[in-house]
Amino acid sequence: SARAIYDELNSIYGDEVPGLSTVTRWSKLFRDGRKEIEDKLRPGRPITETTTENIEHARLLIDYDTYIAIEGIQ
């Protein structure tokens, strides 16, 4: 059951465990036949992630041109 999975995760990972509702949702997805742990790509989903390197690059662009538009940073 989802509760048993949650309890086992909680005994191993403590406070780092996702909430019971999240574990319940995951349990249902896998019970319904899901095989992958990664999310499927969806239209409109960002293709990059926030990293120190990305933040520094954006900061340099803004320092160089304080009137730069968001489109210029992307």
PDB file of N, CA and C in Angstrom:
ATOM      1  N   SER A   1       0.838  -1.192   0.000  1.00  0.00           N
ATOM      2  CA  SER A   1       0.000   0.000   0.000  1.00  0.00           C
ATOM      3  C   SER A   1       0.875   1.246   0.000  1.00  0.00           C
ATOM      4  N   ALA A   2       0.284   2.350  -0.376  1.00  0.00           N
ATOM      5  CA  ALA A   2       1.023   3.614  -0.410  1.00  0.00           C
ATOM      6  C   ALA A   2       1.524   3.984   0.979  1.00  0.00           C
ATOM      7  N   ARG A   3       0.725   3.705   1.995  1.00  0.00           N
ATOM      8  CA  ARG A   3       1.128   4.030   3.364  1.00  0.00           C
ATOM      9  C   ARG A   3       2.362   3.230   3.777  1.00  0.00           C
ATOM     10  N   ALA A   4       2.416   1.956   3.409  1.00  0.00           N
ATOM     11  CA  ALA A   4       3.570   1.113   3.737  1.00  0.00           C
ATOM     12  C   ALA A   4       4.819   1.625   3.023  1.00  0.00           C
ATOM     13  N   ILE A   5       4.657   2.029   1.762  1.00  0.00           N
ATOM     14  CA  ILE A   5       5.785   2.587   1.004  1.00  0.00           C
ATOM     15  C   ILE A   5       6.261   3.869   1.665  1.00  0.00           C
ATOM     16  N   TYR A   6       5.313   4.732   2.026  1.00  0.00           N
ATOM     17  CA  TYR A   6       5.654   5.995   2.686  1.00  0.00           C
ATOM     18  C   TYR A   6       6.395   5.742   3.995  1.00  0.00           C
ATOM     19  N   ASP A   7       5.880   4.825   4.799  1.00  0.00           N
ATOM     20  CA  ASP A   7       6.518   4.517   6.088  1.00  0.00           C
ATOM     21  C   ASP A   7       7.941   3.995   5.897  1.00  0.00           C
ATOM     22  N   GLU A   8       8.140   3.152   4.878  1.00  0.00           N
ATOM     23  CA  GLU A   8       9.482   2.626   4.614  1.00  0.00           C
ATOM     24  C   GLU A   8      10.422   3.742   4.152  1.00  0.00           C
ATOM     25  N   LEU A   9       9.940   4.591   3.242  1.00  0.00           N
ATOM     26  CA  LEU A   9      10.754   5.725   2.792  1.00  0.00           C
ATOM     27  C   LEU A   9      11.086   6.639   3.967  1.00  0.00           C
ATOM     28  N   ASN A  10      10.106   6.880   4.815  1.00  0.00           N
ATOM     29  CA  ASN A  10      10.302   7.754   5.967  1.00  0.00           C
ATOM     30  C   ASN A  10      11.326   7.181   6.936  1.00  0.00           C
ATOM     31  N   SER A  11      11.333   5.858   7.118  1.00  0.00           N
ATOM     32  CA  SER A  11      12.303   5.246   8.029  1.00  0.00           C
ATOM     33  C   SER A  11      13.725   5.346   7.480  1.00  0.00           C
ATOM     34  N   ILE A  12      13.846   5.421   6.157  1.00  0.00           N
ATOM     35  CA  ILE A  12      15.167   5.510   5.534  1.00  0.00           C
ATOM     36  C   ILE A  12      15.620   6.958   5.384  1.00  0.00           C
ATOM     37  N   TYR A  13      14.728   7.824   4.871  1.00  0.00           N
ATOM     38  CA  TYR A  13      15.115   9.189   4.505  1.00  0.00           C
ATOM     39  C   TYR A  13      14.657  10.262   5.480  1.00  0.00           C
ATOM     40  N   GLY A  14      13.831   9.921   6.435  1.00  0.00           N
ATOM     41  CA  GLY A  14      13.401  10.890   7.441  1.00  0.00           C
ATOM     42  C   GLY A  14      12.664  12.078   6.843  1.00  0.00           C
ATOM     43  N   ASP A  15      13.095  13.281   7.222  1.00  0.00           N
ATOM     44  CA  ASP A  15      12.422  14.518   6.798  1.00  0.00           C
ATOM     45  C   ASP A  15      12.518  14.791   5.300  1.00  0.00           C
ATOM     46  N   GLU A  16      13.394  14.104   4.602  1.00  0.00           N
ATOM     47  CA  GLU A  16      13.589  14.339   3.170  1.00  0.00           C
ATOM     48  C   GLU A  16      12.537  13.650   2.301  1.00  0.00           C
ATOM     49  N   VAL A  17      11.656  12.884   2.918  1.00  0.00           N
ATOM     50  CA  VAL A  17      10.655  12.108   2.184  1.00  0.00           C
ATOM     51  C   VAL A  17       9.538  13.025   1.667  1.00  0.00           C
ATOM     52  N   PRO A  18       9.049  12.786   0.437  1.00  0.00           N
ATOM     53  CA  PRO A  18       7.887  13.541  -0.045  1.00  0.00           C
ATOM     54  C   PRO A  18       6.668  13.224   0.822  1.00  0.00           C
ATOM     55  N   GLY A  19       5.655  14.049   0.714  1.00  0.00           N
ATOM     56  CA  GLY A  19       4.448  13.849   1.505  1.00  0.00           C
ATOM     57  C   GLY A  19       3.702  12.573   1.125  1.00  0.00           C
ATOM     58  N   LEU A  20       2.842  12.134   2.032  1.00  0.00           N
ATOM     59  CA  LEU A  20       2.056  10.922   1.800  1.00  0.00           C
ATOM     60  C   LEU A  20       1.201  11.053   0.545  1.00  0.00           C
ATOM     61  N   SER A  21       0.642  12.233   0.295  1.00  0.00           N
ATOM     62  CA  SER A  21      -0.200  12.401  -0.902  1.00  0.00           C
ATOM     63  C   SER A  21       0.613  12.205  -2.182  1.00  0.00           C
ATOM     64  N   THR A  22       1.867  12.651  -2.192  1.00  0.00           N
ATOM     65  CA  THR A  22       2.732  12.455  -3.359  1.00  0.00           C
ATOM     66  C   THR A  22       3.044  10.975  -3.544  1.00  0.00           C
ATOM     67  N   VAL A  23       3.394  10.295  -2.471  1.00  0.00           N
ATOM     68  CA  VAL A  23       3.695   8.860  -2.545  1.00  0.00           C
ATOM     69  C   VAL A  23       2.452   8.089  -2.992  1.00  0.00           C
ATOM     70  N   THR A  24       1.278   8.494  -2.529  1.00  0.00           N
ATOM     71  CA  THR A  24       0.024   7.853  -2.940  1.00  0.00           C
ATOM     72  C   THR A  24      -0.194   8.024  -4.438  1.00  0.00           C
ATOM     73  N   ARG A  25       0.060   9.233  -4.950  1.00  0.00           N
ATOM     74  CA  ARG A  25      -0.090   9.491  -6.393  1.00  0.00           C
ATOM     75  C   ARG A  25       0.892   8.643  -7.190  1.00  0.00           C
ATOM     76  N   TRP A  26       2.151   8.591  -6.745  1.00  0.00           N
ATOM     77  CA  TRP A  26       3.156   7.769  -7.434  1.00  0.00           C
ATOM     78  C   TRP A  26       2.737   6.303  -7.432  1.00  0.00           C
ATOM     79  N   SER A  27       2.262   5.826  -6.292  1.00  0.00           N
ATOM     80  CA  SER A  27       1.846   4.433  -6.172  1.00  0.00           C
ATOM     81  C   SER A  27       0.743   4.109  -7.174  1.00  0.00           C
ATOM     82  N   LYS A  28      -0.222   5.009  -7.302  1.00  0.00           N
ATOM     83  CA  LYS A  28      -1.322   4.805  -8.251  1.00  0.00           C
ATOM     84  C   LYS A  28      -0.801   4.780  -9.688  1.00  0.00           C
ATOM     85  N   LEU A  29       0.127   5.702 -10.019  1.00  0.00           N
ATOM     86  CA  LEU A  29       0.681   5.732 -11.377  1.00  0.00           C
ATOM     87  C   LEU A  29       1.342   4.400 -11.729  1.00  0.00           C
ATOM     88  N   PHE A  30       2.131   3.853 -10.824  1.00  0.00           N
ATOM     89  CA  PHE A  30       2.816   2.590 -11.102  1.00  0.00           C
ATOM     90  C   PHE A  30       1.851   1.407 -11.095  1.00  0.00           C
ATOM     91  N   ARG A  31       0.851   1.446 -10.236  1.00  0.00           N
ATOM     92  CA  ARG A  31      -0.175   0.395 -10.232  1.00  0.00           C
ATOM     93  C   ARG A  31      -0.941   0.382 -11.551  1.00  0.00           C
ATOM     94  N   ASP A  32      -1.123   1.590 -12.140  1.00  0.00           N
ATOM     95  CA  ASP A  32      -1.860   1.717 -13.405  1.00  0.00           C
ATOM     96  C   ASP A  32      -0.997   1.419 -14.629  1.00  0.00           C
ATOM     97  N   GLY A  33       0.252   0.992 -14.420  1.00  0.00           N
ATOM     98  CA  GLY A  33       1.073   0.546 -15.536  1.00  0.00           C
ATOM     99  C   GLY A  33       2.255   1.413 -15.906  1.00  0.00           C
ATOM    100  N   ARG A  34       2.467   2.496 -15.207  1.00  0.00           N
ATOM    101  CA  ARG A  34       3.617   3.339 -15.517  1.00  0.00           C
ATOM    102  C   ARG A  34       4.899   2.568 -15.244  1.00  0.00           C
ATOM    103  N   LYS A  35       5.889   2.739 -16.144  1.00  0.00           N
ATOM    104  CA  LYS A  35       7.143   1.997 -16.005  1.00  0.00           C
ATOM    105  C   LYS A  35       8.347   2.908 -15.759  1.00  0.00           C
ATOM    106  N   GLU A  36       8.265   4.158 -16.195  1.00  0.00           N
ATOM    107  CA  GLU A  36       9.395   5.077 -16.068  1.00  0.00           C
ATOM    108  C   GLU A  36       9.242   5.942 -14.821  1.00  0.00           C
ATOM    109  N   ILE A  37      10.387   6.356 -14.275  1.00  0.00           N
ATOM    110  CA  ILE A  37      10.334   7.271 -13.139  1.00  0.00           C
ATOM    111  C   ILE A  37      10.460   8.724 -13.587  1.00  0.00           C
ATOM    112  N   GLU A  38      10.922   8.941 -14.815  1.00  0.00           N
ATOM    113  CA  GLU A  38      11.066  10.301 -15.338  1.00  0.00           C
ATOM    114  C   GLU A  38       9.740  10.792 -15.899  1.00  0.00           C
ATOM    115  N   ASP A  39       9.484  12.091 -15.758  1.00  0.00           N
ATOM    116  CA  ASP A  39       8.287  12.681 -16.355  1.00  0.00           C
ATOM    117  C   ASP A  39       8.423  12.709 -17.866  1.00  0.00           C
ATOM    118  N   LYS A  40       7.293  12.607 -18.549  1.00  0.00           N
ATOM    119  CA  LYS A  40       7.294  12.752 -20.001  1.00  0.00           C
ATOM    120  C   LYS A  40       7.446  14.229 -20.339  1.00  0.00           C
ATOM    121  N   LEU A  41       8.121  14.517 -21.463  1.00  0.00           N
ATOM    122  CA  LEU A  41       8.239  15.899 -21.901  1.00  0.00           C
ATOM    123  C   LEU A  41       6.865  16.422 -22.284  1.00  0.00           C
ATOM    124  N   ARG A  42       6.597  17.662 -21.917  1.00  0.00           N
ATOM    125  CA  ARG A  42       5.316  18.281 -22.236  1.00  0.00           C
ATOM    126  C   ARG A  42       5.574  19.583 -22.976  1.00  0.00           C
ATOM    127  N   PRO A  43       4.695  19.946 -23.909  1.00  0.00           N
ATOM    128  CA  PRO A  43       4.867  21.218 -24.616  1.00  0.00           C
ATOM    129  C   PRO A  43       4.891  22.373 -23.616  1.00  0.00           C
ATOM    130  N   GLY A  44       5.776  23.318 -23.866  1.00  0.00           N
ATOM    131  CA  GLY A  44       5.859  24.482 -23.004  1.00  0.00           C
ATOM    132  C   GLY A  44       6.714  24.300 -21.771  1.00  0.00           C
ATOM    133  N   ARG A  45       7.192  23.110 -21.559  1.00  0.00           N
ATOM    134  CA  ARG A  45       8.026  22.849 -20.397  1.00  0.00           C
ATOM    135  C   ARG A  45       9.423  23.422 -20.645  1.00  0.00           C
ATOM    136  N   PRO A  46      10.017  24.080 -19.655  1.00  0.00           N
ATOM    137  CA  PRO A  46      11.360  24.641 -19.840  1.00  0.00           C
ATOM    138  C   PRO A  46      12.372  23.549 -20.205  1.00  0.00           C
ATOM    139  N   ILE A  47      13.282  23.888 -21.114  1.00  0.00           N
ATOM    140  CA  ILE A  47      14.279  22.909 -21.527  1.00  0.00           C
ATOM    141  C   ILE A  47      15.581  23.077 -20.756  1.00  0.00           C
ATOM    142  N   THR A  48      15.665  24.120 -19.935  1.00  0.00           N
ATOM    143  CA  THR A  48      16.853  24.311 -19.106  1.00  0.00           C
ATOM    144  C   THR A  48      16.433  24.310 -17.647  1.00  0.00           C
ATOM    145  N   GLU A  49      17.410  24.267 -16.798  1.00  0.00           N
ATOM    146  CA  GLU A  49      17.135  24.319 -15.379  1.00  0.00           C
ATOM    147  C   GLU A  49      17.913  25.467 -14.777  1.00  0.00           C
ATOM    148  N   THR A  50      17.552  25.869 -13.601  1.00  0.00           N
ATOM    149  CA  THR A  50      18.246  26.953 -12.922  1.00  0.00           C
ATOM    150  C   THR A  50      19.532  26.404 -12.325  1.00  0.00           C
ATOM    151  N   THR A  51      20.644  26.951 -12.784  1.00  0.00           N
ATOM    152  CA  THR A  51      21.940  26.562 -12.244  1.00  0.00           C
ATOM    153  C   THR A  51      22.720  27.824 -11.930  1.00  0.00           C
ATOM    154  N   THR A  52      23.761  27.688 -11.160  1.00  0.00           N
ATOM    155  CA  THR A  52      24.614  28.827 -10.848  1.00  0.00           C
ATOM    156  C   THR A  52      25.174  29.427 -12.129  1.00  0.00           C
ATOM    157  N   GLU A  53      25.526  28.563 -13.081  1.00  0.00           N
ATOM    158  CA  GLU A  53      26.068  29.028 -14.361  1.00  0.00           C
ATOM    159  C   GLU A  53      25.035  29.858 -15.131  1.00  0.00           C
ATOM    160  N   ASN A  54      23.780  29.392 -15.181  1.00  0.00           N
ATOM    161  CA  ASN A  54      22.722  30.134 -15.872  1.00  0.00           C
ATOM    162  C   ASN A  54      22.477  31.489 -15.214  1.00  0.00           C
ATOM    163  N   ILE A  55      22.452  31.513 -13.899  1.00  0.00           N
ATOM    164  CA  ILE A  55      22.218  32.759 -13.167  1.00  0.00           C
ATOM    165  C   ILE A  55      23.340  33.741 -13.441  1.00  0.00           C
ATOM    166  N   GLU A  56      24.575  33.273 -13.400  1.00  0.00           N
ATOM    167  CA  GLU A  56      25.725  34.147 -13.653  1.00  0.00           C
ATOM    168  C   GLU A  56      25.693  34.682 -15.080  1.00  0.00           C
ATOM    169  N   HIS A  57      25.341  33.852 -16.044  1.00  0.00           N
ATOM    170  CA  HIS A  57      25.251  34.281 -17.444  1.00  0.00           C
ATOM    171  C   HIS A  57      24.191  35.376 -17.599  1.00  0.00           C
ATOM    172  N   ALA A  58      23.023  35.182 -16.997  1.00  0.00           N
ATOM    173  CA  ALA A  58      21.963  36.196 -17.066  1.00  0.00           C
ATOM    174  C   ALA A  58      22.412  37.484 -16.388  1.00  0.00           C
ATOM    175  N   ARG A  59      23.081  37.370 -15.256  1.00  0.00           N
ATOM    176  CA  ARG A  59      23.566  38.552 -14.536  1.00  0.00           C
ATOM    177  C   ARG A  59      24.566  39.335 -15.393  1.00  0.00           C
ATOM    178  N   LEU A  60      25.465  38.636 -16.085  1.00  0.00           N
ATOM    179  CA  LEU A  60      26.433  39.308 -16.957  1.00  0.00           C
ATOM    180  C   LEU A  60      25.740  40.026 -18.109  1.00  0.00           C
ATOM    181  N   LEU A  61      24.727  39.387 -18.702  1.00  0.00           N
ATOM    182  CA  LEU A  61      23.977  40.027 -19.786  1.00  0.00           C
ATOM    183  C   LEU A  61      23.290  41.296 -19.302  1.00  0.00           C
ATOM    184  N   ILE A  62      22.692  41.240 -18.124  1.00  0.00           N
ATOM    185  CA  ILE A  62      21.995  42.407 -17.577  1.00  0.00           C
ATOM    186  C   ILE A  62      22.987  43.496 -17.203  1.00  0.00           C
ATOM    187  N   ASP A  63      24.146  43.128 -16.648  1.00  0.00           N
ATOM    188  CA  ASP A  63      25.177  44.120 -16.326  1.00  0.00           C
ATOM    189  C   ASP A  63      25.689  44.803 -17.582  1.00  0.00           C
ATOM    190  N   TYR A  64      25.792  44.049 -18.676  1.00  0.00           N
ATOM    191  CA  TYR A  64      26.283  44.593 -19.944  1.00  0.00           C
ATOM    192  C   TYR A  64      25.254  45.529 -20.568  1.00  0.00           C
ATOM    193  N   ASP A  65      23.974  45.159 -20.520  1.00  0.00           N
ATOM    194  CA  ASP A  65      22.910  45.958 -21.125  1.00  0.00           C
ATOM    195  C   ASP A  65      21.722  45.971 -20.173  1.00  0.00           C
ATOM    196  N   THR A  66      21.610  47.036 -19.374  1.00  0.00           N
ATOM    197  CA  THR A  66      20.551  47.095 -18.365  1.00  0.00           C
ATOM    198  C   THR A  66      19.153  47.202 -18.968  1.00  0.00           C
ATOM    199  N   TYR A  67      19.060  47.487 -20.268  1.00  0.00           N
ATOM    200  CA  TYR A  67      17.754  47.594 -20.929  1.00  0.00           C
ATOM    201  C   TYR A  67      17.409  46.346 -21.738  1.00  0.00           C
ATOM    202  N   ILE A  68      18.146  45.278 -21.529  1.00  0.00           N
ATOM    203  CA  ILE A  68      17.912  44.056 -22.295  1.00  0.00           C
ATOM    204  C   ILE A  68      16.527  43.480 -21.958  1.00  0.00           C
ATOM    205  N   ALA A  69      15.842  42.986 -22.973  1.00  0.00           N
ATOM    206  CA  ALA A  69      14.521  42.382 -22.774  1.00  0.00           C
ATOM    207  C   ALA A  69      14.682  40.910 -22.395  1.00  0.00           C
ATOM    208  N   ILE A  70      13.652  40.350 -21.818  1.00  0.00           N
ATOM    209  CA  ILE A  70      13.686  38.936 -21.431  1.00  0.00           C
ATOM    210  C   ILE A  70      14.011  38.065 -22.635  1.00  0.00           C
ATOM    211  N   GLU A  71      13.456  38.413 -23.797  1.00  0.00           N
ATOM    212  CA  GLU A  71      13.723  37.633 -25.009  1.00  0.00           C
ATOM    213  C   GLU A  71      15.214  37.629 -25.344  1.00  0.00           C
ATOM    214  N   GLY A  72      15.916  38.708 -25.027  1.00  0.00           N
ATOM    215  CA  GLY A  72      17.350  38.788 -25.280  1.00  0.00           C
ATOM    216  C   GLY A  72      18.160  37.900 -24.360  1.00  0.00           C
ATOM    217  N   ILE A  73      17.621  37.611 -23.204  1.00  0.00           N
ATOM    218  CA  ILE A  73      18.316  36.748 -22.247  1.00  0.00           C
ATOM    219  C   ILE A  73      18.095  35.286 -22.595  1.00  0.00           C
ATOM    220  N   GLN A  74      16.923  34.965 -23.111  1.00  0.00           N
ATOM    221  CA  GLN A  74      16.618  33.581 -23.444  1.00  0.00           C
ATOM    222  C   GLN A  74      17.459  33.172 -24.606  1.00  0.00           C
TER     223      GLN A  74
END
